[in-house]
Amino acid sequence: MKNIALFSALAAILLIASCRKDDQNNNYNNYPGYNLTFWTATNCSPNPITVTVDSQTAVMTEFFANTIPACGAQGCANFSLPTGTYTYSATNGDTTWTGSVSVTKGGCTMQQFFCNTGNVTFWVDSAANNIKVTLDGGSTHITTAYPTTTPTCGTLGCANFTLHPGTYTYTAITAANIGYTGSVIIGNDSCTLVRLY
């Protein structure tokens, strides 16, 4: 009788341990804290960035210039993965990113992509009266003239832009409706100065 009771107790302990292990495995695979979010702070190109991790693919459709997005934010490339280290690759057609990233239990891993960018600064040497410069769908104003010096990239009072490398068409209109138009080439990690006459 003692052997039967001992055997029954042992079987019950093994059954409970087995159930707990199954519960742990289910929690491991479904735990909502196993997250991975890819994001960028600049508009890398007109194309979205496609990210691949562990044979899964997600697309980044937005950039976050003024804030770090929350884990799982819309517009980022988001993945839910078990803990471990993963290799990723990403492309937007003209730039490629590769690397590895670790996912930890109960946390969110944020991976930022840095894009190739360049700068352009539009300026005038006289009669700066709120000249509106439009480039790649964005616009800003020239509010200061530099008659005796040439400004540097990003100088206040100039119209400053940071964009993906490429050739862009710009327009500029003065308060007197005098217009300028032209094209500018923005290089990677460089600054182009454009004086409007």
Protein backbone atom coordinates (compact mmCIF):
# COMPACT_ATOMS: atom_id res chain seq x y z
CA MET A 1 0.00 0.00 0.00
CA LYS A 2 2.88 2.36 0.85
CA ASN A 3 4.43 1.66 -2.58
CA ILE A 4 1.20 2.58 -4.35
CA ALA A 5 0.89 5.83 -2.36
CA LEU A 6 4.54 6.67 -3.01
CA PHE A 7 4.16 5.91 -6.72
CA SER A 8 0.98 8.04 -6.91
CA ALA A 9 2.72 10.96 -5.19
CA LEU A 10 5.73 10.70 -7.50
CA ALA A 11 3.48 10.56 -10.58
CA ALA A 12 1.56 13.64 -9.39
CA ILE A 13 4.81 15.58 -8.86
CA LEU A 14 6.06 14.66 -12.35
CA LEU A 15 2.71 15.62 -13.90
CA ILE A 16 2.72 19.02 -12.16
CA ALA A 17 6.33 19.66 -13.17
CA SER A 18 5.50 18.73 -16.75
CA CYS A 19 2.51 21.11 -16.77
CA ARG A 20 4.65 23.93 -15.37
CA LYS A 21 7.29 23.33 -18.04
CA ASP A 22 4.58 23.47 -20.74
CA ASP A 23 3.24 26.69 -19.22
CA GLN A 24 6.75 28.17 -19.18
CA ASN A 25 7.26 27.24 -22.83
CA ASN A 26 3.91 28.78 -23.79
CA ASN A 27 4.75 31.95 -21.85
CA TYR A 28 8.19 32.02 -23.48
CA ASN A 29 6.70 31.88 -26.96
CA ASN A 30 3.77 34.23 -26.32
CA TYR A 31 5.17 36.68 -23.75
CA PRO A 32 4.23 40.19 -24.92
CA GLY A 33 7.52 41.67 -23.69
CA TYR A 34 9.68 40.02 -26.34
CA ASN A 35 9.69 43.01 -28.72
CA LEU A 36 12.00 44.64 -31.24
CA THR A 37 11.37 48.02 -32.89
CA PHE A 38 13.41 49.49 -35.74
CA TRP A 39 13.13 53.25 -36.38
CA THR A 40 14.83 56.25 -37.96
CA ALA A 41 14.92 59.97 -37.20
CA THR A 42 15.35 61.19 -40.78
CA ASN A 43 13.60 60.65 -44.08
CA CYS A 44 16.11 58.34 -45.75
CA SER A 45 14.46 58.42 -49.18
CA PRO A 46 11.03 58.43 -50.78
CA ASN A 47 10.99 54.63 -50.41
CA PRO A 48 10.00 52.80 -47.20
CA ILE A 49 12.62 50.70 -45.42
CA THR A 50 11.99 46.95 -45.48
CA VAL A 51 13.49 45.12 -42.49
CA THR A 52 14.02 41.34 -42.25
CA VAL A 53 14.71 39.54 -38.96
CA ASP A 54 14.53 35.78 -38.40
CA SER A 55 12.73 35.24 -41.76
CA GLN A 56 10.09 37.82 -40.79
CA THR A 57 9.63 41.09 -42.70
CA ALA A 58 8.22 44.45 -41.61
CA VAL A 59 8.23 47.89 -43.24
CA MET A 60 9.17 51.29 -41.79
CA THR A 61 6.85 53.92 -43.28
CA GLU A 62 7.52 56.93 -41.03
CA PHE A 63 10.45 58.77 -39.48
CA PHE A 64 10.58 60.40 -36.05
CA ALA A 65 12.52 63.66 -36.25
CA ASN A 66 11.61 65.14 -32.87
CA THR A 67 11.06 62.16 -30.57
CA ILE A 68 12.03 58.55 -29.96
CA PRO A 69 9.02 56.38 -30.80
CA ALA A 70 7.45 54.04 -28.27
CA CYS A 71 8.03 50.33 -28.53
CA GLY A 72 5.74 48.96 -31.24
CA ALA A 73 4.86 52.42 -32.59
CA GLN A 74 3.00 52.61 -35.86
CA GLY A 75 5.31 53.51 -38.75
CA CYS A 76 8.23 51.55 -37.27
CA ALA A 77 9.26 48.00 -38.23
CA ASN A 78 8.12 45.93 -35.25
CA PHE A 79 8.87 42.30 -34.35
CA SER A 80 7.88 40.03 -31.46
CA LEU A 81 10.61 37.47 -30.87
CA PRO A 82 11.83 35.18 -28.06
CA THR A 83 14.99 36.15 -26.22
CA GLY A 84 18.15 35.71 -28.23
CA THR A 85 20.50 37.38 -30.69
CA TYR A 86 19.30 37.91 -34.24
CA THR A 87 20.83 39.06 -37.51
CA TYR A 88 18.88 41.72 -39.41
CA SER A 89 19.05 43.27 -42.85
CA ALA A 90 17.19 46.27 -44.23
CA THR A 91 17.02 48.25 -47.47
CA ASN A 92 15.13 51.12 -49.06
CA GLY A 93 16.40 50.52 -52.57
CA ASP A 94 19.55 52.62 -52.41
CA THR A 95 20.83 52.12 -48.85
CA THR A 96 21.38 48.84 -47.00
CA TRP A 97 21.74 48.20 -43.27
CA THR A 98 22.90 44.95 -41.65
CA GLY A 99 23.82 43.93 -38.16
CA SER A 100 22.81 41.93 -35.13
CA VAL A 101 20.60 42.76 -32.19
CA SER A 102 19.76 41.12 -28.88
CA VAL A 103 16.23 40.68 -27.55
CA THR A 104 15.83 40.40 -23.78
CA LYS A 105 12.98 38.97 -21.73
CA GLY A 106 10.42 41.52 -20.65
CA GLY A 107 12.05 44.40 -22.50
CA CYS A 108 11.89 46.27 -25.75
CA THR A 109 14.95 46.56 -27.96
CA MET A 110 15.03 49.80 -29.96
CA GLN A 111 17.30 49.82 -33.00
CA GLN A 112 17.80 53.13 -34.81
CA PHE A 113 18.90 53.31 -38.43
CA PHE A 114 21.03 56.28 -39.41
CA CYS A 115 20.47 57.46 -42.95
CA ASN A 116 22.86 59.02 -45.40
CA THR A 117 22.02 62.73 -45.40
CA GLY A 118 23.43 65.98 -46.63
CA ASN A 119 22.64 69.64 -46.09
CA VAL A 120 21.85 72.62 -48.26
CA THR A 121 21.75 76.25 -47.13
CA PHE A 122 20.10 78.96 -49.25
CA TRP A 123 21.18 82.55 -48.61
CA VAL A 124 21.17 86.08 -50.00
CA ASP A 125 23.58 88.98 -49.78
CA SER A 126 20.94 91.73 -49.89
CA ALA A 127 17.22 92.46 -49.51
CA ALA A 128 16.33 89.49 -47.35
CA ASN A 129 12.68 90.09 -46.64
CA ASN A 130 11.20 86.73 -45.69
CA ILE A 131 12.05 84.77 -48.84
CA LYS A 132 10.19 81.45 -48.84
CA VAL A 133 12.28 78.52 -50.13
CA THR A 134 10.55 75.24 -51.01
CA LEU A 135 12.49 72.01 -51.51
CA ASP A 136 11.26 68.41 -51.58
CA GLY A 137 7.82 69.33 -50.26
CA GLY A 138 9.18 71.27 -47.29
CA SER A 139 9.65 75.00 -46.96
CA THR A 140 11.42 77.52 -44.75
CA HIS A 141 12.39 81.20 -44.99
CA ILE A 142 15.45 83.35 -45.50
CA THR A 143 15.16 86.18 -42.99
CA THR A 144 18.69 87.61 -42.86
CA ALA A 145 20.98 88.96 -45.56
CA TYR A 146 24.76 88.47 -45.45
CA PRO A 147 26.20 91.34 -47.53
CA THR A 148 29.83 91.11 -46.35
CA THR A 149 30.29 87.45 -45.41
CA THR A 150 29.33 84.06 -46.74
CA PRO A 151 27.31 82.05 -44.22
CA THR A 152 28.21 78.52 -43.28
CA CYS A 153 25.95 75.51 -43.35
CA GLY A 154 23.04 75.85 -40.92
CA THR A 155 23.54 79.58 -40.26
CA LEU A 156 20.51 81.23 -38.65
CA GLY A 157 18.53 83.44 -41.00
CA CYS A 158 19.22 81.18 -43.98
CA ALA A 159 16.91 78.52 -45.39
CA ASN A 160 18.43 75.24 -44.19
CA PHE A 161 17.47 71.71 -45.26
CA THR A 162 18.73 68.21 -44.41
CA LEU A 163 17.82 65.60 -47.00
CA HIS A 164 18.78 62.25 -48.46
CA PRO A 165 21.53 62.62 -51.11
CA GLY A 166 20.23 63.36 -54.59
CA THR A 167 19.26 66.10 -57.04
CA TYR A 168 16.35 68.33 -56.03
CA THR A 169 14.43 71.19 -57.65
CA TYR A 170 13.83 74.26 -55.53
CA THR A 171 11.71 77.38 -55.76
CA ALA A 172 12.04 80.62 -53.83
CA ILE A 173 9.62 83.56 -53.74
CA THR A 174 10.28 86.98 -52.24
CA ALA A 175 7.69 89.23 -50.58
CA ALA A 176 7.62 91.20 -53.87
CA ASN A 177 6.73 87.96 -55.74
CA ILE A 178 10.11 87.71 -57.39
CA GLY A 179 10.75 84.05 -58.00
CA TYR A 180 13.82 81.86 -58.24
CA THR A 181 13.95 78.26 -59.40
CA GLY A 182 16.73 75.80 -59.98
CA SER A 183 18.21 72.48 -58.97
CA VAL A 184 20.70 71.53 -56.31
CA ILE A 185 22.75 68.38 -55.72
CA ILE A 186 22.96 67.23 -52.12
CA GLY A 187 25.90 64.95 -51.34
CA ASN A 188 26.25 62.48 -48.52
CA ASP A 189 27.51 64.06 -45.29
CA SER A 190 28.24 67.37 -47.03
CA CYS A 191 26.82 70.88 -47.22
CA THR A 192 25.93 72.81 -50.35
CA LEU A 193 25.60 76.61 -50.24
CA VAL A 194 23.20 78.21 -52.74
CA ARG A 195 23.19 81.99 -53.11
CA LEU A 196 19.99 83.42 -54.54
CA TYR A 197 20.60 86.49 -56.73
